[in-house]
Protein backbone atom coordinates (compact mmCIF):
# COMPACT_ATOMS: atom_id res chain seq x y z
CA UNK A 1 102.57 -21.07 121.71
CA UNK A 2 99.99 -19.13 123.84
CA UNK A 3 98.32 -16.07 122.80
CA UNK A 4 97.85 -13.46 125.74
CA UNK A 5 95.29 -11.04 125.43
CA UNK A 6 95.37 -8.13 127.96
CA UNK A 7 93.87 -4.85 128.38
CA UNK A 8 94.62 -2.19 131.21
CA UNK A 9 93.02 0.82 132.85
CA UNK A 10 95.10 3.58 134.53
CA UNK A 11 94.33 6.77 136.29
CA UNK A 12 96.21 10.32 135.25
CA UNK A 13 96.44 13.31 137.28
CA UNK A 14 93.82 16.19 137.41
CA UNK A 15 95.97 19.23 137.80
CA UNK A 16 96.39 20.06 134.25
CA UNK A 17 100.30 19.88 134.04
CA UNK A 18 102.04 18.42 130.89
CA UNK A 19 102.42 14.74 130.98
CA UNK A 20 105.72 15.39 129.29
CA UNK A 21 107.06 16.47 132.29
CA UNK A 22 105.87 13.30 134.82
CA UNK A 23 107.92 10.37 135.45
CA UNK A 24 104.68 8.33 134.83
CA UNK A 25 102.25 9.82 133.26
CA UNK A 26 99.51 7.20 133.35
CA UNK A 27 99.47 4.93 136.53
CA UNK A 28 97.90 1.24 136.16
CA UNK A 29 95.23 0.59 137.87
CA UNK A 30 93.86 -2.32 136.41
CA UNK A 31 95.16 -5.75 134.46
CA UNK A 32 92.92 -7.98 132.52
CA UNK A 33 93.58 -10.34 130.29
CA UNK A 34 92.80 -14.27 128.79
CA UNK A 35 94.53 -16.94 127.12
CA UNK A 36 93.89 -18.55 124.02
CA UNK A 37 95.66 -21.63 122.49
CA UNK A 38 96.52 -21.47 118.87
CA UNK A 39 93.24 -22.26 118.12
CA UNK A 40 92.26 -19.01 119.46
CA UNK A 41 90.10 -20.73 122.16
CA UNK A 42 89.95 -19.10 125.68
CA UNK A 43 91.84 -21.34 128.23
CA UNK A 44 92.42 -19.39 131.10
CA UNK A 45 91.73 -15.63 132.48
CA UNK A 46 93.29 -13.12 134.61
CA UNK A 47 91.53 -10.17 136.20
CA UNK A 48 93.43 -7.81 139.19
CA UNK A 49 92.91 -4.01 140.40
CA UNK A 50 95.79 -2.64 141.52
CA UNK A 51 95.79 -0.14 144.11
CA UNK A 52 97.36 3.42 143.27
CA UNK A 53 100.31 4.79 144.75
CA UNK A 54 101.70 7.70 142.36
CA UNK A 55 98.07 9.23 141.58
CA UNK A 56 95.90 7.73 144.44
CA UNK A 57 93.09 10.52 143.49
CA UNK A 58 90.98 8.92 140.89
CA UNK A 59 90.63 11.21 138.06
CA UNK A 60 86.84 12.01 137.54
CA UNK A 61 86.68 10.75 133.63
CA UNK A 62 88.35 7.62 134.94
CA UNK A 63 85.92 7.14 138.03
CA UNK A 64 82.73 7.17 135.47
CA UNK A 65 83.95 5.92 132.60
CA UNK A 66 84.73 2.42 134.50
CA UNK A 67 82.03 2.84 137.55
CA UNK A 68 84.30 2.27 140.32
CA UNK A 69 83.05 1.96 143.48
CA UNK A 70 83.92 3.87 146.42
CA UNK A 71 87.04 2.38 147.76
CA UNK A 72 87.11 -0.52 145.44
CA UNK A 73 91.07 -0.08 144.33
CA UNK A 74 91.68 -0.15 147.82
CA UNK A 75 91.26 -3.88 147.68
CA UNK A 76 93.93 -4.23 144.72
CA UNK A 77 97.33 -5.40 145.10
CA UNK A 78 100.39 -3.16 144.81
CA UNK A 79 101.80 -3.03 141.28
CA UNK A 80 105.00 -5.13 141.76
CA UNK A 81 103.35 -7.93 143.08
CA UNK A 82 100.63 -7.69 140.56
CA UNK A 83 102.82 -7.41 137.35
CA UNK A 84 105.04 -10.65 139.00
CA UNK A 85 101.60 -12.52 139.31
CA UNK A 86 100.50 -10.99 135.82
CA UNK A 87 103.81 -12.08 134.15
CA UNK A 88 103.69 -15.94 135.68
CA UNK A 89 100.30 -16.43 134.94
CA UNK A 90 101.62 -15.41 131.33
CA UNK A 91 103.99 -17.79 130.96
CA UNK A 92 107.44 -18.22 128.83
CA UNK A 93 107.60 -16.21 125.67
CA UNK A 94 103.80 -15.49 124.84
CA UNK A 95 102.19 -13.44 122.20
CA UNK A 96 101.08 -10.31 123.53
CA UNK A 97 97.69 -8.94 121.69
CA UNK A 98 96.15 -5.42 122.66
CA UNK A 99 93.54 -3.52 121.10
CA UNK A 100 95.72 -0.73 120.03
CA UNK A 101 99.23 -0.07 120.75
CA UNK A 102 99.03 1.94 124.12
CA UNK A 103 98.65 -0.65 126.59
CA UNK A 104 101.67 -2.25 125.76
CA UNK A 105 103.62 0.98 126.03
CA UNK A 106 102.26 1.68 129.07
CA UNK A 107 102.81 -1.49 130.65
CA UNK A 108 106.40 -1.04 129.88
CA UNK A 109 106.73 2.50 131.23
CA UNK A 110 104.77 0.83 134.81
CA UNK A 111 107.38 -1.74 134.65
CA UNK A 112 110.31 0.82 134.03
CA UNK A 113 109.04 2.89 136.87
CA UNK A 114 108.82 0.29 139.65
CA UNK A 115 112.36 -1.21 138.42
CA UNK A 116 111.14 -4.40 136.98
CA UNK A 117 112.96 -6.17 134.50
CA UNK A 118 110.52 -7.79 132.57
CA UNK A 119 109.56 -5.55 129.22
CA UNK A 120 112.03 -2.72 130.58
CA UNK A 121 114.78 -3.57 128.60
CA UNK A 122 115.48 -1.84 125.35
CA UNK A 123 114.61 -4.92 123.11
CA UNK A 124 111.44 -4.40 120.74
CA UNK A 125 108.60 -6.54 121.98
CA UNK A 126 106.47 -8.30 119.48
CA UNK A 127 102.60 -8.17 119.47
CA UNK A 128 99.54 -8.21 117.79
CA UNK A 129 97.74 -5.26 117.29
CA UNK A 130 93.86 -6.52 117.16
CA UNK A 131 92.51 -2.59 116.04
CA UNK A 132 95.17 -2.76 113.02
CA UNK A 133 94.46 -6.13 112.05
CA UNK A 134 90.71 -5.46 112.10
CA UNK A 135 91.01 -2.49 110.14
CA UNK A 136 92.82 -4.70 107.44
CA UNK A 137 90.33 -7.19 107.47
CA UNK A 138 87.37 -4.80 106.75
CA UNK A 139 89.09 -2.69 104.42
CA UNK A 140 89.53 0.04 106.08
CA UNK A 141 92.87 1.02 107.67
CA UNK A 142 92.41 5.14 107.74
CA UNK A 143 89.94 4.64 110.83
CA UNK A 144 90.92 3.39 113.86
CA UNK A 145 87.51 1.66 115.02
CA UNK A 146 86.57 1.58 118.79
CA UNK A 147 86.36 -2.00 120.15
CA UNK A 148 82.69 -2.08 120.64
CA UNK A 149 82.23 -0.95 117.22
CA UNK A 150 84.18 -3.85 115.97
CA UNK A 151 82.06 -6.15 118.07
CA UNK A 152 78.89 -4.87 116.76
CA UNK A 153 79.92 -5.02 113.49
CA UNK A 154 80.90 -8.63 113.50
CA UNK A 155 77.92 -9.43 115.29
CA UNK A 156 79.34 -10.71 118.52
CA UNK A 157 77.21 -11.25 121.68
CA UNK A 158 77.62 -8.76 124.31
CA UNK A 159 77.55 -10.60 127.55
CA UNK A 160 80.06 -8.31 129.66
CA UNK A 161 79.91 -4.49 130.10
CA UNK A 162 82.56 -2.76 128.38
CA UNK A 163 85.63 -0.28 130.21
CA UNK A 164 86.79 -2.94 132.16
CA UNK A 165 90.11 -4.61 131.84
CA UNK A 166 89.10 -8.23 131.59
CA UNK A 167 86.08 -7.45 129.80
CA UNK A 168 87.69 -5.42 126.89
CA UNK A 169 90.71 -8.40 126.80
CA UNK A 170 87.84 -10.85 126.46
CA UNK A 171 86.26 -8.59 123.64
CA UNK A 172 89.63 -8.06 121.81
CA UNK A 173 90.17 -11.87 122.24
CA UNK A 174 86.46 -12.78 120.58
CA UNK A 175 87.50 -9.91 117.20
CA UNK A 176 90.74 -11.89 117.12
CA UNK A 177 89.08 -15.14 116.97
CA UNK A 178 87.32 -13.89 114.01
CA UNK A 179 90.21 -12.50 111.66
CA UNK A 180 91.98 -14.70 109.05
CA UNK A 181 95.25 -16.27 110.28
CA UNK A 182 97.61 -15.08 107.33
CA UNK A 183 96.56 -11.47 108.14
CA UNK A 184 97.39 -12.22 112.13
CA UNK A 185 100.56 -14.13 111.21
CA UNK A 186 102.08 -11.71 108.30
CA UNK A 187 101.56 -8.32 110.52
CA UNK A 188 103.14 -8.40 113.93
CA UNK A 189 103.93 -5.15 115.37
CA UNK A 190 106.92 -4.55 117.48
CA UNK A 191 106.52 -1.97 120.40
CA UNK A 192 110.21 0.04 120.91
CA UNK A 193 111.24 1.78 124.08
CA UNK A 194 110.61 5.53 123.77
CA UNK A 195 114.42 7.16 123.21
CA UNK A 196 115.67 8.99 126.16
CA UNK A 197 114.73 13.06 126.13
CA UNK A 198 117.36 15.26 124.75
CA UNK A 199 116.91 18.44 127.14
CA UNK A 200 117.88 21.44 124.93
CA UNK A 201 119.73 24.81 126.12
CA UNK A 202 117.36 27.20 126.83
CA UNK A 203 117.46 30.04 124.15
CA UNK A 204 118.87 33.46 125.29
CA UNK A 205 116.42 36.15 126.35
CA UNK A 206 115.44 38.83 123.96
CA UNK A 207 117.36 41.25 126.67
CA UNK A 208 120.85 38.84 126.80
CA UNK A 209 120.75 39.34 122.59
CA UNK A 210 120.49 42.80 122.57
CA UNK A 211 122.96 43.30 124.69
CA UNK A 212 125.41 40.95 122.55
CA UNK A 213 124.30 42.94 119.71
CA UNK A 214 125.84 46.75 121.40
CA UNK A 215 128.88 44.73 122.60
CA UNK A 216 129.40 43.47 118.94
CA UNK A 217 128.61 46.94 117.50
CA UNK A 218 130.86 48.41 120.09
CA UNK A 219 133.83 46.31 119.19
CA UNK A 220 133.53 47.41 115.30
């Protein structure tokens, strides 16, 4: 079995509308990953930009954090092709590994948005939350550490810039390799699809309520 440590970068709208009302709150614009063998040694890497289709204007915070150059994403692939190539690169039954829990959930949502079968079903997907395991390793589960802080605390070399998908996947893999095997094997997480939204009927307005009270009184 191979371990696939991946990281995503995504774009989001700038209009301030609540994300709950959108079919796709975050659109993936970059996938980075490293593949590890059973000894947690890097055996391959994956790095792909994705051309945005839903939110084509890049949020200024995202642009600043990633250091995106003008026109950089226009050279990327469309998400369905990139995702298909990524899953083919991953191979059969990989053990997913991420820093935190959001990446695997957002990958599922983007796959479902584009009608792709991988990850979009109702099954729970096992994965390794390296951020959570690192907290267990240092005896601090109450606070979620940032990836760069963990790298500094472990005194790992910082030879590539942070905050790009491949770089963060690379550093996550380095942190994973420092963890004891018993922590890794005994603390597998499971990502479950979000339950369908239940649309509640809107409450009657104040005028409607008062009218009902008057009608009830008239019948007494």
